[in-house]
């Protein structure tokens, strides 16, 4: 998978590039602000943009909007230390496919993989904000893997237990759960489990 990494901190860019390459991703470009990210995107057409949201000039919101205007199918995953409601809502409305906090590096690779398959991915800490943003639910039905996760949630298993049963990391399961929440319009595991057990979701 071909990625470009965008952050106004050059040390962060280099660190992310090193981490991503160690996980088998191909980092084809680096940028330090949104305008540079747009220019690199137009030139290289990567599979995904991994981008900070707060940058001094041409921030991630600006870049997301302009990259999406250039290519409506662009996949943008925002990586940030900030979880303020306005930033999250703006990012989603402008077309970002995910929002992951910088302290969750263990979840980064699974999040990239899920966004690459067309799903929305949100850090669990920002999901409660994301779910309140209108018009982001996709009409697509749950995938076979999401159905497996849903059944196990309905049976009362935790993310860790589900991960052990499906031979997946806990972070990957959290991402699947977030995707299920968005697709089904549910706000927490209890509501999801109740609707599943009542047969209201399938």
C-alpha atoms as a PDB file:
ATOM      1  CA  UNK A   1       0.000   0.000   0.000  1.00  0.00           C
ATOM      2  CA  UNK A   2       1.381   3.406  -1.017  1.00  0.00           C
ATOM      3  CA  UNK A   3       1.110   6.134   1.635  1.00  0.00           C
ATOM      4  CA  UNK A   4       2.078   9.740   2.123  1.00  0.00           C
ATOM      5  CA  UNK A   5       2.737  11.040   5.633  1.00  0.00           C
ATOM      6  CA  UNK A   6       1.916  14.627   6.584  1.00  0.00           C
ATOM      7  CA  UNK A   7       2.871  16.437   9.800  1.00  0.00           C
ATOM      8  CA  UNK A   8       4.385  19.847  10.536  1.00  0.00           C
ATOM      9  CA  UNK A   9       6.848  18.180  12.908  1.00  0.00           C
ATOM     10  CA  UNK A  10       9.588  16.678  10.756  1.00  0.00           C
ATOM     11  CA  UNK A  11      10.675  14.330  13.551  1.00  0.00           C
ATOM     12  CA  UNK A  12       7.136  12.913  13.737  1.00  0.00           C
ATOM     13  CA  UNK A  13       7.126  12.411   9.961  1.00  0.00           C
ATOM     14  CA  UNK A  14      10.377  10.477  10.083  1.00  0.00           C
ATOM     15  CA  UNK A  15       9.215   8.416  13.069  1.00  0.00           C
ATOM     16  CA  UNK A  16       5.918   7.526  11.392  1.00  0.00           C
ATOM     17  CA  UNK A  17       7.702   6.662   8.169  1.00  0.00           C
ATOM     18  CA  UNK A  18      10.021   4.306  10.032  1.00  0.00           C
ATOM     19  CA  UNK A  19       7.109   2.643  11.877  1.00  0.00           C
ATOM     20  CA  UNK A  20       5.055   2.235   8.716  1.00  0.00           C
ATOM     21  CA  UNK A  21       7.915   0.811   6.691  1.00  0.00           C
ATOM     22  CA  UNK A  22       8.622  -1.686   9.472  1.00  0.00           C
ATOM     23  CA  UNK A  23       5.025  -2.868   9.105  1.00  0.00           C
ATOM     24  CA  UNK A  24       5.346  -3.370   5.360  1.00  0.00           C
ATOM     25  CA  UNK A  25       3.798  -0.153   4.061  1.00  0.00           C
ATOM     26  CA  UNK A  26       5.354   1.812   1.210  1.00  0.00           C
ATOM     27  CA  UNK A  27       5.767   5.473   2.190  1.00  0.00           C
ATOM     28  CA  UNK A  28       6.122   7.223  -1.151  1.00  0.00           C
ATOM     29  CA  UNK A  29       5.969  10.826   0.013  1.00  0.00           C
ATOM     30  CA  UNK A  30       6.289  13.140   3.008  1.00  0.00           C
ATOM     31  CA  UNK A  31       4.875  16.636   3.585  1.00  0.00           C
ATOM     32  CA  UNK A  32       4.941  19.245   6.339  1.00  0.00           C
ATOM     33  CA  UNK A  33       1.701  21.109   5.644  1.00  0.00           C
ATOM     34  CA  UNK A  34      -1.608  20.669   3.857  1.00  0.00           C
ATOM     35  CA  UNK A  35      -0.662  22.552   0.714  1.00  0.00           C
ATOM     36  CA  UNK A  36       2.443  20.422   0.204  1.00  0.00           C
ATOM     37  CA  UNK A  37       0.314  17.325   0.874  1.00  0.00           C
ATOM     38  CA  UNK A  38      -2.111  18.336  -1.887  1.00  0.00           C
ATOM     39  CA  UNK A  39       0.722  18.882  -4.348  1.00  0.00           C
ATOM     40  CA  UNK A  40       2.305  15.523  -3.525  1.00  0.00           C
ATOM     41  CA  UNK A  41      -1.063  13.779  -3.758  1.00  0.00           C
ATOM     42  CA  UNK A  42      -1.693  15.204  -7.236  1.00  0.00           C
ATOM     43  CA  UNK A  43       1.737  14.052  -8.337  1.00  0.00           C
ATOM     44  CA  UNK A  44       1.860  10.580  -6.774  1.00  0.00           C
ATOM     45  CA  UNK A  45      -1.803   9.546  -6.284  1.00  0.00           C
ATOM     46  CA  UNK A  46      -1.080   7.354  -3.229  1.00  0.00           C
ATOM     47  CA  UNK A  47      -3.513   4.802  -1.841  1.00  0.00           C
ATOM     48  CA  UNK A  48      -3.869   6.753   1.378  1.00  0.00           C
ATOM     49  CA  UNK A  49      -2.909   9.934   3.209  1.00  0.00           C
ATOM     50  CA  UNK A  50      -1.911   9.716   6.870  1.00  0.00           C
ATOM     51  CA  UNK A  51      -2.085  13.291   8.123  1.00  0.00           C
ATOM     52  CA  UNK A  52      -1.932  15.455  11.220  1.00  0.00           C
ATOM     53  CA  UNK A  53      -4.935  17.718  11.657  1.00  0.00           C
ATOM     54  CA  UNK A  54      -3.366  20.757  13.340  1.00  0.00           C
ATOM     55  CA  UNK A  55      -0.626  22.424  11.326  1.00  0.00           C
ATOM     56  CA  UNK A  56       0.390  26.063  11.359  1.00  0.00           C
ATOM     57  CA  UNK A  57      -0.225  26.642   7.656  1.00  0.00           C
ATOM     58  CA  UNK A  58      -2.777  24.756   5.551  1.00  0.00           C
ATOM     59  CA  UNK A  59      -3.997  22.359   8.223  1.00  0.00           C
ATOM     60  CA  UNK A  60      -5.401  18.857   7.856  1.00  0.00           C
ATOM     61  CA  UNK A  61      -8.972  20.096   7.423  1.00  0.00           C
ATOM     62  CA  UNK A  62      -7.954  22.313   4.509  1.00  0.00           C
ATOM     63  CA  UNK A  63      -5.922  19.511   2.967  1.00  0.00           C
ATOM     64  CA  UNK A  64      -8.706  16.949   3.385  1.00  0.00           C
ATOM     65  CA  UNK A  65     -11.232  19.190   1.657  1.00  0.00           C
ATOM     66  CA  UNK A  66      -8.923  20.027  -1.235  1.00  0.00           C
ATOM     67  CA  UNK A  67      -7.641  16.493  -1.749  1.00  0.00           C
ATOM     68  CA  UNK A  68     -11.223  15.178  -1.787  1.00  0.00           C
ATOM     69  CA  UNK A  69     -12.201  17.913  -4.261  1.00  0.00           C
ATOM     70  CA  UNK A  70      -9.354  16.714  -6.478  1.00  0.00           C
ATOM     71  CA  UNK A  71     -10.151  13.013  -6.006  1.00  0.00           C
ATOM     72  CA  UNK A  72     -13.486  12.079  -4.417  1.00  0.00           C
ATOM     73  CA  UNK A  73     -12.186   8.546  -3.780  1.00  0.00           C
ATOM     74  CA  UNK A  74      -9.155   9.687  -1.788  1.00  0.00           C
ATOM     75  CA  UNK A  75      -8.672   7.883   1.516  1.00  0.00           C
ATOM     76  CA  UNK A  76      -7.515  10.124   4.322  1.00  0.00           C
ATOM     77  CA  UNK A  77      -6.748   8.956   7.846  1.00  0.00           C
ATOM     78  CA  UNK A  78      -6.124  11.726  10.344  1.00  0.00           C
ATOM     79  CA  UNK A  79      -3.603  11.084  13.089  1.00  0.00           C
ATOM     80  CA  UNK A  80      -3.562  13.617  15.901  1.00  0.00           C
ATOM     81  CA  UNK A  81      -3.201  14.335  19.600  1.00  0.00           C
ATOM     82  CA  UNK A  82      -6.395  16.373  19.558  1.00  0.00           C
ATOM     83  CA  UNK A  83      -9.909  15.064  20.098  1.00  0.00           C
ATOM     84  CA  UNK A  84     -11.968  18.267  20.166  1.00  0.00           C
ATOM     85  CA  UNK A  85     -15.504  17.945  18.849  1.00  0.00           C
ATOM     86  CA  UNK A  86     -15.212  20.666  16.191  1.00  0.00           C
ATOM     87  CA  UNK A  87     -12.084  19.163  14.622  1.00  0.00           C
ATOM     88  CA  UNK A  88     -13.646  15.717  14.464  1.00  0.00           C
ATOM     89  CA  UNK A  89     -16.896  16.969  12.959  1.00  0.00           C
ATOM     90  CA  UNK A  90     -15.105  19.120  10.393  1.00  0.00           C
ATOM     91  CA  UNK A  91     -12.779  16.280   9.434  1.00  0.00           C
ATOM     92  CA  UNK A  92     -15.676  13.906   8.816  1.00  0.00           C
ATOM     93  CA  UNK A  93     -17.746  16.449   6.927  1.00  0.00           C
ATOM     94  CA  UNK A  94     -14.814  17.230   4.645  1.00  0.00           C
ATOM     95  CA  UNK A  95     -14.382  13.556   3.780  1.00  0.00           C
ATOM     96  CA  UNK A  96     -11.827  12.015   6.156  1.00  0.00           C
ATOM     97  CA  UNK A  97     -12.278   8.269   6.574  1.00  0.00           C
ATOM     98  CA  UNK A  98     -10.767   7.962  10.013  1.00  0.00           C
ATOM     99  CA  UNK A  99      -9.483   9.753  13.082  1.00  0.00           C
ATOM    100  CA  UNK A 100      -6.842   8.069  15.251  1.00  0.00           C
ATOM    101  CA  UNK A 101      -5.059   9.556  18.256  1.00  0.00           C
ATOM    102  CA  UNK A 102      -1.272   9.653  18.094  1.00  0.00           C
ATOM    103  CA  UNK A 103      -0.817   7.662  21.284  1.00  0.00           C
ATOM    104  CA  UNK A 104      -2.461   4.596  19.714  1.00  0.00           C
ATOM    105  CA  UNK A 105       0.377   3.438  17.470  1.00  0.00           C
ATOM    106  CA  UNK A 106      -0.579  -0.204  18.038  1.00  0.00           C
ATOM    107  CA  UNK A 107      -3.888   0.469  16.287  1.00  0.00           C
ATOM    108  CA  UNK A 108      -2.343   2.356  13.379  1.00  0.00           C
ATOM    109  CA  UNK A 109      -1.706  -0.548  10.995  1.00  0.00           C
ATOM    110  CA  UNK A 110      -5.167  -2.128  11.519  1.00  0.00           C
ATOM    111  CA  UNK A 111      -6.770   1.290  11.051  1.00  0.00           C
ATOM    112  CA  UNK A 112      -4.926   1.822   7.766  1.00  0.00           C
ATOM    113  CA  UNK A 113      -6.013  -1.599   6.533  1.00  0.00           C
ATOM    114  CA  UNK A 114      -9.654  -0.943   7.405  1.00  0.00           C
ATOM    115  CA  UNK A 115      -9.736   2.507   5.792  1.00  0.00           C
ATOM    116  CA  UNK A 116      -8.169   0.965   2.704  1.00  0.00           C
ATOM    117  CA  UNK A 117     -11.163  -1.387   2.434  1.00  0.00           C
ATOM    118  CA  UNK A 118     -13.542   1.580   2.481  1.00  0.00           C
ATOM    119  CA  UNK A 119     -14.548   1.635   6.134  1.00  0.00           C
ATOM    120  CA  UNK A 120     -14.683   4.489   8.606  1.00  0.00           C
ATOM    121  CA  UNK A 121     -12.307   4.071  11.536  1.00  0.00           C
ATOM    122  CA  UNK A 122     -12.336   6.093  14.733  1.00  0.00           C
ATOM    123  CA  UNK A 123     -10.305   5.813  17.883  1.00  0.00           C
ATOM    124  CA  UNK A 124     -12.606   4.558  20.665  1.00  0.00           C
ATOM    125  CA  UNK A 125     -11.993   7.810  22.567  1.00  0.00           C
ATOM    126  CA  UNK A 126     -13.453   9.913  19.765  1.00  0.00           C
ATOM    127  CA  UNK A 127     -16.207   7.551  18.615  1.00  0.00           C
ATOM    128  CA  UNK A 128     -18.861   9.051  20.883  1.00  0.00           C
ATOM    129  CA  UNK A 129     -18.292  12.382  19.154  1.00  0.00           C
ATOM    130  CA  UNK A 130     -18.167  10.878  15.670  1.00  0.00           C
ATOM    131  CA  UNK A 131     -21.455   9.015  16.039  1.00  0.00           C
ATOM    132  CA  UNK A 132     -23.278  12.300  16.562  1.00  0.00           C
ATOM    133  CA  UNK A 133     -22.146  13.679  13.205  1.00  0.00           C
ATOM    134  CA  UNK A 134     -25.004  13.488  10.724  1.00  0.00           C
ATOM    135  CA  UNK A 135     -24.874  11.801   7.344  1.00  0.00           C
ATOM    136  CA  UNK A 136     -21.739   9.687   7.797  1.00  0.00           C
ATOM    137  CA  UNK A 137     -23.380   6.269   8.115  1.00  0.00           C
ATOM    138  CA  UNK A 138     -22.788   4.077   5.094  1.00  0.00           C
ATOM    139  CA  UNK A 139     -25.742   2.062   3.789  1.00  0.00           C
ATOM    140  CA  UNK A 140     -23.500  -0.914   3.084  1.00  0.00           C
ATOM    141  CA  UNK A 141     -24.336  -4.139   4.917  1.00  0.00           C
ATOM    142  CA  UNK A 142     -21.987  -5.679   7.430  1.00  0.00           C
ATOM    143  CA  UNK A 143     -19.116  -7.766   6.095  1.00  0.00           C
ATOM    144  CA  UNK A 144     -18.784 -11.441   7.044  1.00  0.00           C
ATOM    145  CA  UNK A 145     -16.078 -10.571   9.566  1.00  0.00           C
ATOM    146  CA  UNK A 146     -18.217  -7.798  11.073  1.00  0.00           C
ATOM    147  CA  UNK A 147     -21.090 -10.285  11.387  1.00  0.00           C
ATOM    148  CA  UNK A 148     -18.784 -12.655  13.273  1.00  0.00           C
ATOM    149  CA  UNK A 149     -17.783  -9.859  15.638  1.00  0.00           C
ATOM    150  CA  UNK A 150     -21.405  -8.772  16.063  1.00  0.00           C
ATOM    151  CA  UNK A 151     -22.505 -12.305  17.032  1.00  0.00           C
ATOM    152  CA  UNK A 152     -19.758 -12.524  19.636  1.00  0.00           C
ATOM    153  CA  UNK A 153     -20.715  -9.110  21.044  1.00  0.00           C
ATOM    154  CA  UNK A 154     -24.288 -10.389  21.289  1.00  0.00           C
ATOM    155  CA  UNK A 155     -22.969 -13.392  23.187  1.00  0.00           C
ATOM    156  CA  UNK A 156     -21.345 -11.067  25.719  1.00  0.00           C
ATOM    157  CA  UNK A 157     -17.675 -11.431  24.824  1.00  0.00           C
ATOM    158  CA  UNK A 158     -15.201  -8.571  25.367  1.00  0.00           C
ATOM    159  CA  UNK A 159     -12.967  -7.190  22.592  1.00  0.00           C
ATOM    160  CA  UNK A 160     -10.012  -9.143  23.968  1.00  0.00           C
ATOM    161  CA  UNK A 161     -11.991 -12.391  24.071  1.00  0.00           C
ATOM    162  CA  UNK A 162     -13.306 -11.798  20.544  1.00  0.00           C
ATOM    163  CA  UNK A 163      -9.763 -11.162  19.346  1.00  0.00           C
ATOM    164  CA  UNK A 164      -8.587 -14.432  20.883  1.00  0.00           C
ATOM    165  CA  UNK A 165     -11.413 -16.362  19.248  1.00  0.00           C
ATOM    166  CA  UNK A 166     -10.826 -14.828  15.815  1.00  0.00           C
ATOM    167  CA  UNK A 167      -7.002 -14.712  16.108  1.00  0.00           C
ATOM    168  CA  UNK A 168      -6.977 -10.911  15.706  1.00  0.00           C
ATOM    169  CA  UNK A 169      -5.499  -8.142  17.863  1.00  0.00           C
ATOM    170  CA  UNK A 170      -7.682  -6.292  20.349  1.00  0.00           C
ATOM    171  CA  UNK A 171      -7.038  -3.074  18.394  1.00  0.00           C
ATOM    172  CA  UNK A 172      -8.341  -4.663  15.200  1.00  0.00           C
ATOM    173  CA  UNK A 173     -11.491  -5.792  17.016  1.00  0.00           C
ATOM    174  CA  UNK A 174     -12.023  -2.254  18.356  1.00  0.00           C
ATOM    175  CA  UNK A 175     -11.888  -0.971  14.796  1.00  0.00           C
ATOM    176  CA  UNK A 176     -14.417  -3.567  13.645  1.00  0.00           C
ATOM    177  CA  UNK A 177     -16.708  -2.607  16.520  1.00  0.00           C
ATOM    178  CA  UNK A 178     -16.488   1.080  15.588  1.00  0.00           C
ATOM    179  CA  UNK A 179     -17.377   0.234  11.987  1.00  0.00           C
ATOM    180  CA  UNK A 180     -20.351  -1.843  13.163  1.00  0.00           C
ATOM    181  CA  UNK A 181     -21.557   1.029  15.352  1.00  0.00           C
ATOM    182  CA  UNK A 182     -21.458   3.425  12.408  1.00  0.00           C
ATOM    183  CA  UNK A 183     -23.204   1.071  10.006  1.00  0.00           C
ATOM    184  CA  UNK A 184     -25.961   0.127  12.437  1.00  0.00           C
ATOM    185  CA  UNK A 185     -26.470   3.575  13.963  1.00  0.00           C
ATOM    186  CA  UNK A 186     -25.931   2.246  17.486  1.00  0.00           C
ATOM    187  CA  UNK A 187     -24.048   4.206  20.124  1.00  0.00           C
ATOM    188  CA  UNK A 188     -22.706   1.549  22.491  1.00  0.00           C
ATOM    189  CA  UNK A 189     -22.228  -2.197  22.928  1.00  0.00           C
ATOM    190  CA  UNK A 190     -25.337  -2.575  25.056  1.00  0.00           C
ATOM    191  CA  UNK A 191     -27.626  -1.031  22.448  1.00  0.00           C
ATOM    192  CA  UNK A 192     -25.894  -3.034  19.726  1.00  0.00           C
ATOM    193  CA  UNK A 193     -26.254  -6.329  21.615  1.00  0.00           C
ATOM    194  CA  UNK A 194     -29.909  -5.679  22.461  1.00  0.00           C
ATOM    195  CA  UNK A 195     -30.813  -4.857  18.864  1.00  0.00           C
ATOM    196  CA  UNK A 196     -28.905  -7.890  17.633  1.00  0.00           C
ATOM    197  CA  UNK A 197     -30.617 -10.237  20.069  1.00  0.00           C
ATOM    198  CA  UNK A 198     -33.996  -8.773  19.086  1.00  0.00           C
ATOM    199  CA  UNK A 199     -33.215  -9.443  15.433  1.00  0.00           C
ATOM    200  CA  UNK A 200     -33.476  -5.759  14.539  1.00  0.00           C
ATOM    201  CA  UNK A 201     -30.143  -5.495  12.734  1.00  0.00           C
ATOM    202  CA  UNK A 202     -30.237  -8.349  10.222  1.00  0.00           C
END
